[in-house]
PDB file of all heavy atoms in Angstrom:
ATOM      1  N   VAL A   1      95.086  71.558 125.821  1.00  0.00           N
ATOM      2  CA  VAL A   1      94.778  72.951 125.457  1.00  0.00           C
ATOM      3  C   VAL A   1      94.542  73.734 126.760  1.00  0.00           C
ATOM      4  O   VAL A   1      94.171  73.215 127.806  1.00  0.00           O
ATOM      5  CB  VAL A   1      93.495  72.957 124.566  1.00  0.00           C
ATOM      6  CG1 VAL A   1      93.772  72.338 123.193  1.00  0.00           C
ATOM      7  CG2 VAL A   1      92.291  72.295 125.170  1.00  0.00           C
ATOM      8  N   THR A   2      94.789  75.043 126.585  1.00  0.00           N
ATOM      9  CA  THR A   2      94.662  75.908 127.768  1.00  0.00           C
ATOM     10  C   THR A   2      93.972  77.238 127.343  1.00  0.00           C
ATOM     11  O   THR A   2      94.319  77.807 126.333  1.00  0.00           O
ATOM     12  CB  THR A   2      96.064  76.244 128.352  1.00  0.00           C
ATOM     13  OG1 THR A   2      96.743  75.016 128.697  1.00  0.00           O
ATOM     14  CG2 THR A   2      95.939  77.118 129.536  1.00  0.00           C
ATOM     15  N   MET A   3      93.050  77.705 128.159  1.00  0.00           N
ATOM     16  CA  MET A   3      92.461  79.039 127.932  1.00  0.00           C
ATOM     17  C   MET A   3      93.292  80.117 128.542  1.00  0.00           C
ATOM     18  O   MET A   3      94.315  79.839 129.313  1.00  0.00           O
ATOM     19  CB  MET A   3      91.028  79.022 128.518  1.00  0.00           C
ATOM     20  CG  MET A   3      90.119  78.089 127.847  1.00  0.00           C
ATOM     21  SD  MET A   3      89.781  78.369 126.083  1.00  0.00           S
ATOM     22  CE  MET A   3      88.853  79.934 126.122  1.00  0.00           C
ATOM     23  N   ASN A   4      93.017  81.327 128.312  1.00  0.00           N
ATOM     24  CA  ASN A   4      93.759  82.476 128.824  1.00  0.00           C
ATOM     25  C   ASN A   4      93.636  82.545 130.324  1.00  0.00           C
ATOM     26  O   ASN A   4      92.520  82.351 130.895  1.00  0.00           O
ATOM     27  CB  ASN A   4      93.262  83.713 128.145  1.00  0.00           C
ATOM     28  CG  ASN A   4      91.797  83.826 128.050  1.00  0.00           C
ATOM     29  OD1 ASN A   4      91.237  83.085 127.238  1.00  0.00           O
ATOM     30  ND2 ASN A   4      91.109  84.704 128.798  1.00  0.00           N
ATOM     31  N   ARG A   5      94.649  82.936 131.031  1.00  0.00           N
ATOM     32  CA  ARG A   5      94.664  83.023 132.518  1.00  0.00           C
ATOM     33  C   ARG A   5      94.013  84.303 133.020  1.00  0.00           C
ATOM     34  O   ARG A   5      93.932  84.485 134.234  1.00  0.00           O
ATOM     35  CB  ARG A   5      96.068  82.863 133.046  1.00  0.00           C
ATOM     36  CG  ARG A   5      96.703  81.502 132.850  1.00  0.00           C
ATOM     37  CD  ARG A   5      97.776  81.245 133.801  1.00  0.00           C
ATOM     38  NE  ARG A   5      98.330  79.901 133.587  1.00  0.00           N
ATOM     39  CZ  ARG A   5      99.530  79.657 133.103  1.00  0.00           C
ATOM     40  NH1 ARG A   5     100.345  80.604 132.778  1.00  0.00           N
ATOM     41  NH2 ARG A   5      99.952  78.404 132.954  1.00  0.00           N
ATOM     42  N   SER A   6      93.632  85.185 132.153  1.00  0.00           N
ATOM     43  CA  SER A   6      93.039  86.448 132.557  1.00  0.00           C
ATOM     44  C   SER A   6      92.308  86.987 131.350  1.00  0.00           C
ATOM     45  O   SER A   6      92.627  86.671 130.198  1.00  0.00           O
ATOM     46  CB  SER A   6      94.143  87.456 133.051  1.00  0.00           C
ATOM     47  OG  SER A   6      93.537  88.745 133.160  1.00  0.00           O
ATOM     48  N   LEU A   7      91.312  87.846 131.585  1.00  0.00           N
ATOM     49  CA  LEU A   7      90.641  88.568 130.508  1.00  0.00           C
ATOM     50  C   LEU A   7      91.281  89.894 130.226  1.00  0.00           C
ATOM     51  O   LEU A   7      90.812  90.583 129.330  1.00  0.00           O
ATOM     52  CB  LEU A   7      89.091  88.683 130.800  1.00  0.00           C
ATOM     53  CG  LEU A   7      88.320  87.379 130.768  1.00  0.00           C
ATOM     54  CD1 LEU A   7      86.940  87.655 131.219  1.00  0.00           C
ATOM     55  CD2 LEU A   7      88.378  86.779 129.346  1.00  0.00           C
ATOM     56  N   SER A   8      92.203  90.266 131.030  1.00  0.00           N
ATOM     57  CA  SER A   8      92.820  91.618 130.833  1.00  0.00           C
ATOM     58  C   SER A   8      94.333  91.632 131.003  1.00  0.00           C
ATOM     59  O   SER A   8      94.976  92.655 130.599  1.00  0.00           O
ATOM     60  CB  SER A   8      92.263  92.605 131.907  1.00  0.00           C
ATOM     61  OG  SER A   8      92.548  92.136 133.176  1.00  0.00           O
ATOM     62  N   ASP A   9      94.965  90.552 131.367  1.00  0.00           N
ATOM     63  CA  ASP A   9      96.427  90.556 131.518  1.00  0.00           C
ATOM     64  C   ASP A   9      97.000  89.098 131.336  1.00  0.00           C
ATOM     65  O   ASP A   9      97.875  88.725 132.101  1.00  0.00           O
ATOM     66  CB  ASP A   9      96.838  91.070 132.943  1.00  0.00           C
ATOM     67  CG  ASP A   9      98.290  91.458 132.969  1.00  0.00           C
ATOM     68  OD1 ASP A   9      98.921  91.690 131.903  1.00  0.00           O
ATOM     69  OD2 ASP A   9      98.813  91.460 134.122  1.00  0.00           O
ATOM     70  N   ALA A  10      96.515  88.501 130.321  1.00  0.00           N
ATOM     71  CA  ALA A  10      96.966  87.022 130.120  1.00  0.00           C
ATOM     72  C   ALA A  10      98.255  87.060 129.292  1.00  0.00           C
ATOM     73  O   ALA A  10      98.372  87.661 128.259  1.00  0.00           O
ATOM     74  CB  ALA A  10      95.872  86.299 129.366  1.00  0.00           C
ATOM     75  N   THR A  11      99.206  86.229 129.697  1.00  0.00           N
ATOM     76  CA  THR A  11     100.449  86.053 129.074  1.00  0.00           C
ATOM     77  C   THR A  11     100.839  84.564 128.878  1.00  0.00           C
ATOM     78  O   THR A  11     101.986  84.190 128.915  1.00  0.00           O
ATOM     79  CB  THR A  11     101.601  86.784 129.731  1.00  0.00           C
ATOM     80  OG1 THR A  11     101.674  86.281 131.063  1.00  0.00           O
ATOM     81  CG2 THR A  11     101.340  88.298 129.733  1.00  0.00           C
ATOM     82  N   ASN A  12      99.797  83.754 128.657  1.00  0.00           N
ATOM     83  CA  ASN A  12     100.031  82.280 128.489  1.00  0.00           C
ATOM     84  C   ASN A  12      99.567  81.799 127.174  1.00  0.00           C
ATOM     85  O   ASN A  12      99.118  80.648 127.001  1.00  0.00           O
ATOM     86  CB  ASN A  12      99.312  81.483 129.662  1.00  0.00           C
ATOM     87  CG  ASN A  12      97.762  81.563 129.572  1.00  0.00           C
ATOM     88  OD1 ASN A  12      97.283  82.700 129.283  1.00  0.00           O
ATOM     89  ND2 ASN A  12      97.100  80.485 129.856  1.00  0.00           N
ATOM     90  N   GLY A  13      99.612  82.687 126.156  1.00  0.00           N
ATOM     91  CA  GLY A  13      99.158  82.298 124.853  1.00  0.00           C
ATOM     92  C   GLY A  13     100.268  81.639 124.057  1.00  0.00           C
ATOM     93  O   GLY A  13     101.332  81.312 124.631  1.00  0.00           O
ATOM     94  N   GLY A  14     100.045  81.467 122.767  1.00  0.00           N
ATOM     95  CA  GLY A  14     101.034  80.840 121.903  1.00  0.00           C
ATOM     96  C   GLY A  14     102.243  81.832 121.710  1.00  0.00           C
ATOM     97  O   GLY A  14     102.137  83.050 121.628  1.00  0.00           O
ATOM     98  N   GLU A  15     103.434  81.196 121.492  1.00  0.00           N
ATOM     99  CA  GLU A  15     104.639  81.972 121.347  1.00  0.00           C
ATOM    100  C   GLU A  15     104.711  82.604 119.933  1.00  0.00           C
ATOM    101  O   GLU A  15     104.336  81.945 118.966  1.00  0.00           O
ATOM    102  CB  GLU A  15     105.830  81.099 121.557  1.00  0.00           C
ATOM    103  CG  GLU A  15     107.157  81.861 121.569  1.00  0.00           C
ATOM    104  CD  GLU A  15     108.347  80.959 121.953  1.00  0.00           C
ATOM    105  OE1 GLU A  15     108.178  79.792 122.164  1.00  0.00           O
ATOM    106  OE2 GLU A  15     109.465  81.438 121.881  1.00  0.00           O
ATOM    107  N   ASP A  16     105.221  83.847 119.824  1.00  0.00           N
ATOM    108  CA  ASP A  16     105.369  84.487 118.532  1.00  0.00           C
ATOM    109  C   ASP A  16     106.753  84.147 117.983  1.00  0.00           C
ATOM    110  O   ASP A  16     107.685  83.823 118.726  1.00  0.00           O
ATOM    111  CB  ASP A  16     105.289  86.012 118.670  1.00  0.00           C
ATOM    112  CG  ASP A  16     103.842  86.470 119.205  1.00  0.00           C
ATOM    113  OD1 ASP A  16     102.973  85.581 119.221  1.00  0.00           O
ATOM    114  OD2 ASP A  16     103.761  87.582 119.641  1.00  0.00           O
ATOM    115  N   HIS A  17     106.811  84.184 116.664  1.00  0.00           N
ATOM    116  CA  HIS A  17     108.090  83.818 115.968  1.00  0.00           C
ATOM    117  C   HIS A  17     108.432  84.814 114.866  1.00  0.00           C
ATOM    118  O   HIS A  17     107.548  85.375 114.212  1.00  0.00           O
ATOM    119  CB  HIS A  17     107.933  82.419 115.329  1.00  0.00           C
ATOM    120  CG  HIS A  17     107.527  81.323 116.316  1.00  0.00           C
ATOM    121  ND1 HIS A  17     108.375  80.698 117.122  1.00  0.00           N
ATOM    122  CD2 HIS A  17     106.266  80.811 116.542  1.00  0.00           C
ATOM    123  CE1 HIS A  17     107.734  79.756 117.861  1.00  0.00           C
ATOM    124  NE2 HIS A  17     106.471  79.866 117.506  1.00  0.00           N
ATOM    125  N   PHE A  18     109.725  85.056 114.683  1.00  0.00           N
ATOM    126  CA  PHE A  18     110.224  85.830 113.589  1.00  0.00           C
ATOM    127  C   PHE A  18     111.045  84.894 112.646  1.00  0.00           C
ATOM    128  O   PHE A  18     111.727  83.940 113.155  1.00  0.00           O
ATOM    129  CB  PHE A  18     111.111  86.937 114.096  1.00  0.00           C
ATOM    130  CG  PHE A  18     110.415  88.051 114.762  1.00  0.00           C
ATOM    131  CD1 PHE A  18     110.060  87.971 116.103  1.00  0.00           C
ATOM    132  CD2 PHE A  18     110.039  89.242 114.039  1.00  0.00           C
ATOM    133  CE1 PHE A  18     109.371  89.016 116.711  1.00  0.00           C
ATOM    134  CE2 PHE A  18     109.362  90.255 114.655  1.00  0.00           C
ATOM    135  CZ  PHE A  18     109.019  90.171 116.044  1.00  0.00           C
ATOM    136  N   PHE A  19     111.017  85.212 111.393  1.00  0.00           N
ATOM    137  CA  PHE A  19     111.728  84.468 110.421  1.00  0.00           C
ATOM    138  C   PHE A  19     112.577  85.460 109.596  1.00  0.00           C
ATOM    139  O   PHE A  19     112.040  86.267 108.824  1.00  0.00           O
ATOM    140  CB  PHE A  19     110.827  83.741 109.520  1.00  0.00           C
ATOM    141  CG  PHE A  19     110.143  82.559 110.209  1.00  0.00           C
ATOM    142  CD1 PHE A  19     108.899  82.809 110.885  1.00  0.00           C
ATOM    143  CD2 PHE A  19     110.543  81.285 110.230  1.00  0.00           C
ATOM    144  CE1 PHE A  19     108.207  81.798 111.543  1.00  0.00           C
ATOM    145  CE2 PHE A  19     109.921  80.288 110.855  1.00  0.00           C
ATOM    146  CZ  PHE A  19     108.720  80.578 111.550  1.00  0.00           C
ATOM    147  N   ARG A  20     113.878  85.336 109.763  1.00  0.00           N
ATOM    148  CA  ARG A  20     114.780  86.218 109.089  1.00  0.00           C
ATOM    149  C   ARG A  20     115.231  85.599 107.712  1.00  0.00           C
ATOM    150  O   ARG A  20     115.699  84.463 107.759  1.00  0.00           O
ATOM    151  CB  ARG A  20     116.062  86.530 109.868  1.00  0.00           C
ATOM    152  CG  ARG A  20     116.909  87.665 109.349  1.00  0.00           C
ATOM    153  CD  ARG A  20     118.115  87.918 110.244  1.00  0.00           C
ATOM    154  NE  ARG A  20     119.123  86.865 110.118  1.00  0.00           N
ATOM    155  CZ  ARG A  20     120.001  86.734 109.209  1.00  0.00           C
ATOM    156  NH1 ARG A  20     120.053  87.662 108.248  1.00  0.00           N
ATOM    157  NH2 ARG A  20     120.897  85.741 109.207  1.00  0.00           N
ATOM    158  N   TRP A  21     115.018  86.334 106.644  1.00  0.00           N
ATOM    159  CA  TRP A  21     115.313  85.787 105.337  1.00  0.00           C
ATOM    160  C   TRP A  21     116.778  85.515 105.172  1.00  0.00           C
ATOM    161  O   TRP A  21     117.644  86.334 105.502  1.00  0.00           O
ATOM    162  CB  TRP A  21     114.861  86.785 104.284  1.00  0.00           C
ATOM    163  CG  TRP A  21     114.835  86.318 102.869  1.00  0.00           C
ATOM    164  CD1 TRP A  21     113.817  85.795 102.214  1.00  0.00           C
ATOM    165  CD2 TRP A  21     115.856  86.410 101.902  1.00  0.00           C
ATOM    166  NE1 TRP A  21     114.095  85.489 100.899  1.00  0.00           N
ATOM    167  CE2 TRP A  21     115.409  85.806 100.701  1.00  0.00           C
ATOM    168  CE3 TRP A  21     117.171  86.822 101.897  1.00  0.00           C
ATOM    169  CZ2 TRP A  21     116.143  85.720  99.540  1.00  0.00           C
ATOM    170  CZ3 TRP A  21     117.975  86.744 100.771  1.00  0.00           C
ATOM    171  CH2 TRP A  21     117.485  86.222  99.600  1.00  0.00           C
ATOM    172  N   THR A  22     117.094  84.335 104.591  1.00  0.00           N
ATOM    173  CA  THR A  22     118.556  83.985 104.403  1.00  0.00           C
ATOM    174  C   THR A  22     118.815  83.555 102.991  1.00  0.00           C
ATOM    175  O   THR A  22     120.007  83.489 102.646  1.00  0.00           O
ATOM    176  CB  THR A  22     118.967  82.820 105.337  1.00  0.00           C
ATOM    177  OG1 THR A  22     118.099  81.708 105.142  1.00  0.00           O
ATOM    178  CG2 THR A  22     118.880  83.231 106.800  1.00  0.00           C
ATOM    179  N   GLY A  23     117.740  83.337 102.184  1.00  0.00           N
ATOM    180  CA  GLY A  23     118.068  82.950 100.771  1.00  0.00           C
ATOM    181  C   GLY A  23     116.817  82.570 100.031  1.00  0.00           C
ATOM    182  O   GLY A  23     115.844  82.125 100.609  1.00  0.00           O
ATOM    183  N   GLY A  24     116.899  82.621  98.747  1.00  0.00           N
ATOM    184  CA  GLY A  24     115.761  82.157  97.882  1.00  0.00           C
ATOM    185  C   GLY A  24     116.264  81.928  96.450  1.00  0.00           C
ATOM    186  O   GLY A  24     117.259  82.376  96.024  1.00  0.00           O
ATOM    187  N   SER A  25     115.530  81.090  95.733  1.00  0.00           N
ATOM    188  CA  SER A  25     115.889  80.786  94.406  1.00  0.00           C
ATOM    189  C   SER A  25     114.649  80.620  93.556  1.00  0.00           C
ATOM    190  O   SER A  25     113.602  80.358  94.014  1.00  0.00           O
ATOM    191  CB  SER A  25     116.715  79.456  94.310  1.00  0.00           C
ATOM    192  OG  SER A  25     115.907  78.360  94.829  1.00  0.00           O
ATOM    193  N   ALA A  26     114.785  80.890  92.258  1.00  0.00           N
ATOM    194  CA  ALA A  26     113.670  80.754  91.284  1.00  0.00           C
ATOM    195  C   ALA A  26     113.844  79.464  90.499  1.00  0.00           C
ATOM    196  O   ALA A  26     114.467  78.513  91.002  1.00  0.00           O
ATOM    197  CB  ALA A  26     113.688  81.952  90.421  1.00  0.00           C
ATOM    198  N   GLY A  27     113.294  79.443  89.338  1.00  0.00           N
ATOM    199  CA  GLY A  27     113.420  78.251  88.465  1.00  0.00           C
ATOM    200  C   GLY A  27     112.184  77.290  88.646  1.00  0.00           C
ATOM    201  O   GLY A  27     111.268  77.535  89.420  1.00  0.00           O
ATOM    202  N   PRO A  28     112.286  76.154  88.034  1.00  0.00           N
ATOM    203  CA  PRO A  28     111.153  75.149  88.063  1.00  0.00           C
ATOM    204  C   PRO A  28     110.908  74.624  89.452  1.00  0.00           C
ATOM    205  O   PRO A  28     109.751  74.209  89.706  1.00  0.00           O
ATOM    206  CB  PRO A  28     111.621  74.097  87.127  1.00  0.00           C
ATOM    207  CG  PRO A  28     113.088  74.210  87.035  1.00  0.00           C
ATOM    208  CD  PRO A  28     113.410  75.664  87.238  1.00  0.00           C
ATOM    209  N   LYS A  29     111.904  74.699  90.312  1.00  0.00           N
ATOM    210  CA  LYS A  29     111.667  74.287  91.704  1.00  0.00           C
ATOM    211  C   LYS A  29     112.080  75.438  92.640  1.00  0.00           C
ATOM    212  O   LYS A  29     113.151  75.446  93.295  1.00  0.00           O
ATOM    213  CB  LYS A  29     112.459  73.029  92.046  1.00  0.00           C
ATOM    214  CG  LYS A  29     112.040  71.754  91.306  1.00  0.00           C
ATOM    215  CD  LYS A  29     112.829  70.548  91.711  1.00  0.00           C
ATOM    216  CE  LYS A  29     112.346  69.340  90.937  1.00  0.00           C
ATOM    217  NZ  LYS A  29     113.122  68.108  91.354  1.00  0.00           N
ATOM    218  N   PRO A  30     111.221  76.469  92.706  1.00  0.00           N
ATOM    219  CA  PRO A  30     111.583  77.624  93.527  1.00  0.00           C
ATOM    220  C   PRO A  30     111.714  77.271  95.036  1.00  0.00           C
ATOM    221  O   PRO A  30     111.015  76.321  95.480  1.00  0.00           O
ATOM    222  CB  PRO A  30     110.391  78.568  93.302  1.00  0.00           C
ATOM    223  CG  PRO A  30     109.266  77.747  92.919  1.00  0.00           C
ATOM    224  CD  PRO A  30     109.923  76.558  92.116  1.00  0.00           C
ATOM    225  N   ALA A  31     112.558  77.963  95.756  1.00  0.00           N
ATOM    226  CA  ALA A  31     112.732  77.696  97.122  1.00  0.00           C
ATOM    227  C   ALA A  31     113.024  78.956  97.879  1.00  0.00           C
ATOM    228  O   ALA A  31     113.381  79.985  97.338  1.00  0.00           O
ATOM    229  CB  ALA A  31     113.936  76.700  97.320  1.00  0.00           C
ATOM    230  N   VAL A  32     112.857  78.931  99.192  1.00  0.00           N
ATOM    231  CA  VAL A  32     113.152  80.052 100.093  1.00  0.00           C
ATOM    232  C   VAL A  32     113.643  79.483 101.454  1.00  0.00           C
ATOM    233  O   VAL A  32     113.174  78.465 101.837  1.00  0.00           O
ATOM    234  CB  VAL A  32     111.983  80.994 100.293  1.00  0.00           C
ATOM    235  CG1 VAL A  32     110.807  80.277 101.003  1.00  0.00           C
ATOM    236  CG2 VAL A  32     112.375  82.286 100.882  1.00  0.00           C
ATOM    237  N   ALA A  33     114.546  80.152 102.073  1.00  0.00           N
ATOM    238  CA  ALA A  33     114.995  79.784 103.431  1.00  0.00           C
ATOM    239  C   ALA A  33     114.991  80.934 104.372  1.00  0.00           C
ATOM    240  O   ALA A  33     115.265  82.106 104.002  1.00  0.00           O
ATOM    241  CB  ALA A  33     116.482  79.266 103.181  1.00  0.00           C
ATOM    242  N   TYR A  34     114.663  80.591 105.669  1.00  0.00           N
ATOM    243  CA  TYR A  34     114.677  81.530 106.711  1.00  0.00           C
ATOM    244  C   TYR A  34     115.335  81.012 107.976  1.00  0.00           C
ATOM    245  O   TYR A  34     115.401  79.773 108.154  1.00  0.00           O
ATOM    246  CB  TYR A  34     113.226  81.874 107.113  1.00  0.00           C
ATOM    247  CG  TYR A  34     112.443  82.681 106.057  1.00  0.00           C
ATOM    248  CD1 TYR A  34     111.691  81.957 105.088  1.00  0.00           C
ATOM    249  CD2 TYR A  34     112.410  84.079 105.989  1.00  0.00           C
ATOM    250  CE1 TYR A  34     111.006  82.619 104.100  1.00  0.00           C
ATOM    251  CE2 TYR A  34     111.652  84.699 105.046  1.00  0.00           C
ATOM    252  CZ  TYR A  34     110.988  83.953 104.100  1.00  0.00           C
ATOM    253  OH  TYR A  34     110.248  84.641 103.149  1.00  0.00           O
ATOM    254  N   GLN A  35     115.891  81.946 108.770  1.00  0.00           N
ATOM    255  CA  GLN A  35     116.334  81.581 110.098  1.00  0.00           C
ATOM    256  C   GLN A  35     115.267  81.834 111.065  1.00  0.00           C
ATOM    257  O   GLN A  35     114.762  82.989 111.181  1.00  0.00           O
ATOM    258  CB  GLN A  35     117.552  82.455 110.473  1.00  0.00           C
ATOM    259  CG  GLN A  35     118.144  82.137 111.858  1.00  0.00           C
ATOM    260  CD  GLN A  35     119.191  83.085 112.287  1.00  0.00           C
ATOM    261  OE1 GLN A  35     119.403  84.156 111.647  1.00  0.00           O
ATOM    262  NE2 GLN A  35     119.865  82.855 113.394  1.00  0.00           N
ATOM    263  N   LYS A  36     114.729  80.823 111.788  1.00  0.00           N
ATOM    264  CA  LYS A  36     113.701  80.972 112.735  1.00  0.00           C
ATOM    265  C   LYS A  36     114.252  81.516 114.080  1.00  0.00           C
ATOM    266  O   LYS A  36     115.176  80.978 114.623  1.00  0.00           O
ATOM    267  CB  LYS A  36     112.980  79.627 112.980  1.00  0.00           C
ATOM    268  CG  LYS A  36     111.871  79.628 113.993  1.00  0.00           C
ATOM    269  CD  LYS A  36     111.198  78.306 113.905  1.00  0.00           C
ATOM    270  CE  LYS A  36     110.190  78.041 115.122  1.00  0.00           C
ATOM    271  NZ  LYS A  36     110.930  77.786 116.305  1.00  0.00           N
ATOM    272  N   LEU A  37     113.647  82.573 114.573  1.00  0.00           N
ATOM    273  CA  LEU A  37     114.076  83.292 115.766  1.00  0.00           C
ATOM    274  C   LEU A  37     112.949  83.245 116.813  1.00  0.00           C
ATOM    275  O   LEU A  37     111.838  83.712 116.552  1.00  0.00           O
ATOM    276  CB  LEU A  37     114.473  84.718 115.443  1.00  0.00           C
ATOM    277  CG  LEU A  37     115.544  84.897 114.388  1.00  0.00           C
ATOM    278  CD1 LEU A  37     115.690  86.412 114.120  1.00  0.00           C
ATOM    279  CD2 LEU A  37     116.857  84.310 114.841  1.00  0.00           C
ATOM    280  N   ASP A  38     113.241  82.682 117.969  1.00  0.00           N
ATOM    281  CA  ASP A  38     112.182  82.536 118.976  1.00  0.00           C
ATOM    282  C   ASP A  38     112.393  83.393 120.254  1.00  0.00           C
ATOM    283  O   ASP A  38     111.643  83.380 121.146  1.00  0.00           O
ATOM    284  CB  ASP A  38     112.131  81.067 119.413  1.00  0.00           C
ATOM    285  CG  ASP A  38     111.681  80.168 118.280  1.00  0.00           C
ATOM    286  OD1 ASP A  38     111.048  80.570 117.350  1.00  0.00           O
ATOM    287  OD2 ASP A  38     112.088  78.954 118.282  1.00  0.00           O
ATOM    288  N   ASP A  39     113.549  84.148 120.285  1.00  0.00           N
ATOM    289  CA  ASP A  39     113.870  84.885 121.510  1.00  0.00           C
ATOM    290  C   ASP A  39     113.929  86.374 121.263  1.00  0.00           C
ATOM    291  O   ASP A  39     114.539  87.091 121.981  1.00  0.00           O
ATOM    292  CB  ASP A  39     115.220  84.371 122.016  1.00  0.00           C
ATOM    293  CG  ASP A  39     116.332  84.530 120.997  1.00  0.00           C
ATOM    294  OD1 ASP A  39     116.080  84.804 119.848  1.00  0.00           O
ATOM    295  OD2 ASP A  39     117.475  84.303 121.425  1.00  0.00           O
ATOM    296  N   VAL A  40     113.186  86.860 120.277  1.00  0.00           N
ATOM    297  CA  VAL A  40     113.206  88.267 119.922  1.00  0.00           C
ATOM    298  C   VAL A  40     112.451  89.066 120.977  1.00  0.00           C
ATOM    299  O   VAL A  40     112.913  90.170 121.389  1.00  0.00           O
ATOM    300  CB  VAL A  40     112.673  88.517 118.539  1.00  0.00           C
ATOM    301  CG1 VAL A  40     112.569  90.047 118.192  1.00  0.00           C
ATOM    302  CG2 VAL A  40     113.493  87.832 117.501  1.00  0.00           C
ATOM    303  N   LEU A  41     111.324  88.616 121.443  1.00  0.00           N
ATOM    304  CA  LEU A  41     110.512  89.325 122.329  1.00  0.00           C
ATOM    305  C   LEU A  41     110.495  88.703 123.734  1.00  0.00           C
ATOM    306  O   LEU A  41     110.542  87.457 123.837  1.00  0.00           O
ATOM    307  CB  LEU A  41     109.058  89.352 121.811  1.00  0.00           C
ATOM    308  CG  LEU A  41     108.852  89.868 120.375  1.00  0.00           C
ATOM    309  CD1 LEU A  41     107.411  89.819 119.996  1.00  0.00           C
ATOM    310  CD2 LEU A  41     109.387  91.286 120.289  1.00  0.00           C
ATOM    311  N   PRO A  42     110.274  89.527 124.815  1.00  0.00           N
ATOM    312  CA  PRO A  42     110.201  88.926 126.117  1.00  0.00           C
ATOM    313  C   PRO A  42     108.925  88.034 126.214  1.00  0.00           C
ATOM    314  O   PRO A  42     107.899  88.330 125.482  1.00  0.00           O
ATOM    315  CB  PRO A  42     110.132  90.141 127.037  1.00  0.00           C
ATOM    316  CG  PRO A  42     109.673  91.216 126.223  1.00  0.00           C
ATOM    317  CD  PRO A  42     110.262  90.947 124.833  1.00  0.00           C
ATOM    318  N   ASP A  43     108.872  87.153 127.176  1.00  0.00           N
ATOM    319  CA  ASP A  43     107.737  86.225 127.274  1.00  0.00           C
ATOM    320  C   ASP A  43     106.366  86.905 127.481  1.00  0.00           C
ATOM    321  O   ASP A  43     105.377  86.477 126.912  1.00  0.00           O
ATOM    322  CB  ASP A  43     107.940  85.209 128.449  1.00  0.00           C
ATOM    323  CG  ASP A  43     108.891  84.149 128.033  1.00  0.00           C
ATOM    324  OD1 ASP A  43     109.324  84.022 126.891  1.00  0.00           O
ATOM    325  OD2 ASP A  43     109.250  83.257 128.929  1.00  0.00           O
ATOM    326  N   ASP A  44     106.381  88.014 128.304  1.00  0.00           N
ATOM    327  CA  ASP A  44     105.066  88.686 128.525  1.00  0.00           C
ATOM    328  C   ASP A  44     104.529  89.358 127.289  1.00  0.00           C
ATOM    329  O   ASP A  44     103.345  89.634 127.305  1.00  0.00           O
ATOM    330  CB  ASP A  44     105.193  89.657 129.662  1.00  0.00           C
ATOM    331  CG  ASP A  44     106.124  90.783 129.281  1.00  0.00           C
ATOM    332  OD1 ASP A  44     107.016  90.599 128.511  1.00  0.00           O
ATOM    333  OD2 ASP A  44     105.880  91.931 129.923  1.00  0.00           O
TER     334      ASP A  44
END
């Protein structure tokens, strides 16, 4: 585990993620699918 490298300009936290919707279904066994995107935002 790692604490923040600064109290005012830390950029070593956990990475953010986007999930783009690609499909879903209803019924007795509902489901949903996403494309996971990890490179949307710059690291800082």
